[in-house]
Amino acid sequence: MSRLKVIVVDDEEAARNVLTNLLQRCSASIDIVATCEDVPEAVKCINKFKPDLVFLDVQMPNYAGYEIVNFFDKIDFEIVFITAFDQYAIKAFELSAVDYIVKPIERQRLNEAIKKVEDKLEQRTTIEGYQLLMESMRGKELGKIVLSELSDGQLNKHIIHLKDIISIEAMGAYCQVHLMNAPSFLVSRNLKHIESLLPIEAPFFRSHRSWVVNLDHVVQFCPRSGVIQMKNDFTAKISKNRLEAFEKVSNL
């Protein structure tokens, strides 16, 4: 693979130096074409150098790192955010399908992020995921999720309102997501991974090894048959060892 053109953006000079030194010691072929102290300077350098990858600090004066999406009609470079934020912010990154590294930066995690970028450069990330991140960080509301639909061998990203998810059904290494106002679609992730992305405060319940249900869309359930009736005539399964917990949270 050709060398990666990289820009480092952080308002602290020491932080820029640390990341630059780590990048120079990485196994990947990297050219650091610019280092910047804020978002406006980064925008100028991005337009000038056309980088493959931008390492972008989240918390900076005047503009937060994620606000860089406001300066571009199209994001045609990869972004890895650097954050010292709390668990709320980390969950926002995960829901937005955006890569991030938590400070202090570990060399192994940095290598993993670069490898991930190298693997996906052929399928450029669209701007929607970054816009979703910005909404989540500003509004403190984790109301949406980015999911990749597997269709005809292609991955198409969708922004889904969590409230519109009726249930999620495991199908081996994939999942079928059932929605209120749209057709169901196949996601190229297993159920455990999708469940890990859901906010703790969201009304989702793991009813079965193969099912996660949205409690807001439960109509009724039959303990004897182990079936949960959902809205839109969908059904889901519930295992015996989950019945007691389900009765406590379902308010049926």
Foldseek 3Di string as FASTA:
>chain_A
DDEFEEEEEALDPVLSVVVVVLVVPAPGRYDDPYYYNDLVVVLVVCVVPVGQEYEFEQDHPPHGRLCNLVVDPWDLHAYEYEYQDDPLLVLLCQQLVHHYAYPPGDSVSVNVVVVVSVVCNVPGDTCVSSVSSVCCVVVVDPQWGWFWFQDPNDTDIDIGGPVQFFKWFFDDQWIWTPGNPDHITITNGGPVSVVVSDDPPFQWDDFDPGMIGRLVFWDADDLVVQWTQGPPRDIDGGDNVCVVVCCVRNVD
